Each structure stands twice: as C-alpha cells, then as structure tokens.
C-alpha cells in the first residue's frame, strides 16, 4: 500500500468500535481511497476515506452538472 495520510481520528464502527485497514481488492478500489472494515467478524460495516483523486473527479463531475443546468 502506498504512503497515504490516514484520517485523524480513525473511523470506528458504531457497534463494535475498532476498525481494521482493509487492503484494496482491485485497482479501482485503490484509486477510490483507503478502506476500513469492522474488526468484529460478524459485522460487515466498512468505511471509505476518499482519495484526493476521487474527490477531484467527483468535484469535476459536480461542476459539469452545475454548468449544464
């Protein structure tokens, strides 16, 4: 995994607390940012901390939609 700034504070599961860093399964997931999954095996809660690239792409799409109104 590349050197990325991790969020402060780290994400927490509302039911179980601690979350673990989840390695991306695809290049698309890696582009999206850093993924976390709840540490409890029975829980499927996940959190995405969006990458700068994803945030920029979403901002550009939003501007294009606003310009088209």
C-alpha atoms as a PDB file:
ATOM      1  CA  UNK A   1       0.000   0.000   0.000  1.00  0.00           C
ATOM      2  CA  UNK A   2       1.257   3.454  -0.823  1.00  0.00           C
ATOM      3  CA  UNK A   3       2.091   6.155   1.707  1.00  0.00           C
ATOM      4  CA  UNK A   4      -1.190   7.927   2.317  1.00  0.00           C
ATOM      5  CA  UNK A   5      -2.276  10.264   5.005  1.00  0.00           C
ATOM      6  CA  UNK A   6      -4.564   8.375   7.336  1.00  0.00           C
ATOM      7  CA  UNK A   7      -7.598  10.134   8.764  1.00  0.00           C
ATOM      8  CA  UNK A   8      -7.477  11.510  12.269  1.00  0.00           C
ATOM      9  CA  UNK A   9      -9.353  10.187  14.113  1.00  0.00           C
ATOM     10  CA  UNK A  10      -9.511   6.749  12.530  1.00  0.00           C
ATOM     11  CA  UNK A  11     -13.006   5.522  11.605  1.00  0.00           C
ATOM     12  CA  UNK A  12     -14.877   3.473  14.214  1.00  0.00           C
ATOM     13  CA  UNK A  13     -17.749   1.010  13.911  1.00  0.00           C
ATOM     14  CA  UNK A  14     -20.818   2.288  15.752  1.00  0.00           C
ATOM     15  CA  UNK A  15     -21.491  -1.140  17.270  1.00  0.00           C
ATOM     16  CA  UNK A  16     -18.039  -2.633  17.811  1.00  0.00           C
ATOM     17  CA  UNK A  17     -15.547   0.212  17.850  1.00  0.00           C
ATOM     18  CA  UNK A  18     -12.241  -0.727  16.270  1.00  0.00           C
ATOM     19  CA  UNK A  19     -11.890  -0.976  12.506  1.00  0.00           C
ATOM     20  CA  UNK A  20      -9.051  -2.546  10.538  1.00  0.00           C
ATOM     21  CA  UNK A  21      -7.379  -1.265   7.407  1.00  0.00           C
ATOM     22  CA  UNK A  22      -8.645  -3.365   4.505  1.00  0.00           C
ATOM     23  CA  UNK A  23      -6.345  -3.845   1.525  1.00  0.00           C
ATOM     24  CA  UNK A  24      -7.976  -2.919  -1.776  1.00  0.00           C
ATOM     25  CA  UNK A  25      -9.081  -5.860  -3.918  1.00  0.00           C
ATOM     26  CA  UNK A  26      -8.896  -4.029  -7.241  1.00  0.00           C
ATOM     27  CA  UNK A  27      -7.129  -1.042  -8.790  1.00  0.00           C
ATOM     28  CA  UNK A  28     -10.453   0.767  -8.809  1.00  0.00           C
ATOM     29  CA  UNK A  29     -10.795   0.313  -5.041  1.00  0.00           C
ATOM     30  CA  UNK A  30      -7.217   1.518  -4.576  1.00  0.00           C
ATOM     31  CA  UNK A  31      -7.957   4.640  -6.632  1.00  0.00           C
ATOM     32  CA  UNK A  32     -11.034   5.364  -4.502  1.00  0.00           C
ATOM     33  CA  UNK A  33      -9.013   5.640  -1.298  1.00  0.00           C
ATOM     34  CA  UNK A  34      -8.339   3.865   1.964  1.00  0.00           C
ATOM     35  CA  UNK A  35     -10.873   1.263   3.085  1.00  0.00           C
ATOM     36  CA  UNK A  36     -11.609   0.138   6.644  1.00  0.00           C
ATOM     37  CA  UNK A  37     -13.655  -2.839   7.856  1.00  0.00           C
ATOM     38  CA  UNK A  38     -15.040  -3.551  11.320  1.00  0.00           C
ATOM     39  CA  UNK A  39     -12.781  -5.865  13.327  1.00  0.00           C
ATOM     40  CA  UNK A  40     -15.770  -7.955  14.502  1.00  0.00           C
ATOM     41  CA  UNK A  41     -16.075 -10.997  12.198  1.00  0.00           C
ATOM     42  CA  UNK A  42     -19.884 -10.917  12.233  1.00  0.00           C
ATOM     43  CA  UNK A  43     -20.048  -7.254  11.171  1.00  0.00           C
ATOM     44  CA  UNK A  44     -19.919  -6.051   7.565  1.00  0.00           C
ATOM     45  CA  UNK A  45     -19.511  -2.320   8.324  1.00  0.00           C
ATOM     46  CA  UNK A  46     -16.995  -0.601   6.046  1.00  0.00           C
ATOM     47  CA  UNK A  47     -15.745   2.962   5.652  1.00  0.00           C
ATOM     48  CA  UNK A  48     -14.065   4.577   2.663  1.00  0.00           C
ATOM     49  CA  UNK A  49     -11.780   7.551   3.222  1.00  0.00           C
ATOM     50  CA  UNK A  50     -11.813   9.046  -0.269  1.00  0.00           C
ATOM     51  CA  UNK A  51      -8.547   9.687  -2.089  1.00  0.00           C
ATOM     52  CA  UNK A  52      -7.609  13.111  -3.429  1.00  0.00           C
ATOM     53  CA  UNK A  53      -8.046  11.714  -6.953  1.00  0.00           C
ATOM     54  CA  UNK A  54     -11.603  10.554  -6.262  1.00  0.00           C
ATOM     55  CA  UNK A  55     -12.522  13.829  -4.570  1.00  0.00           C
ATOM     56  CA  UNK A  56     -11.181  15.772  -7.593  1.00  0.00           C
ATOM     57  CA  UNK A  57     -13.079  13.547 -10.032  1.00  0.00           C
ATOM     58  CA  UNK A  58     -16.340  13.983  -8.103  1.00  0.00           C
ATOM     59  CA  UNK A  59     -15.832  17.758  -7.901  1.00  0.00           C
ATOM     60  CA  UNK A  60     -15.287  17.939 -11.679  1.00  0.00           C
ATOM     61  CA  UNK A  61     -18.445  15.901 -12.308  1.00  0.00           C
ATOM     62  CA  UNK A  62     -20.409  18.143  -9.967  1.00  0.00           C
ATOM     63  CA  UNK A  63     -19.159  21.281 -11.754  1.00  0.00           C
ATOM     64  CA  UNK A  64     -20.096  19.780 -15.117  1.00  0.00           C
ATOM     65  CA  UNK A  65     -23.614  19.041 -13.840  1.00  0.00           C
ATOM     66  CA  UNK A  66     -23.970  22.558 -12.455  1.00  0.00           C
ATOM     67  CA  UNK A  67     -22.811  24.064 -15.761  1.00  0.00           C
ATOM     68  CA  UNK A  68     -25.406  22.003 -17.627  1.00  0.00           C
ATOM     69  CA  UNK A  69     -28.355  23.378 -15.648  1.00  0.00           C
END
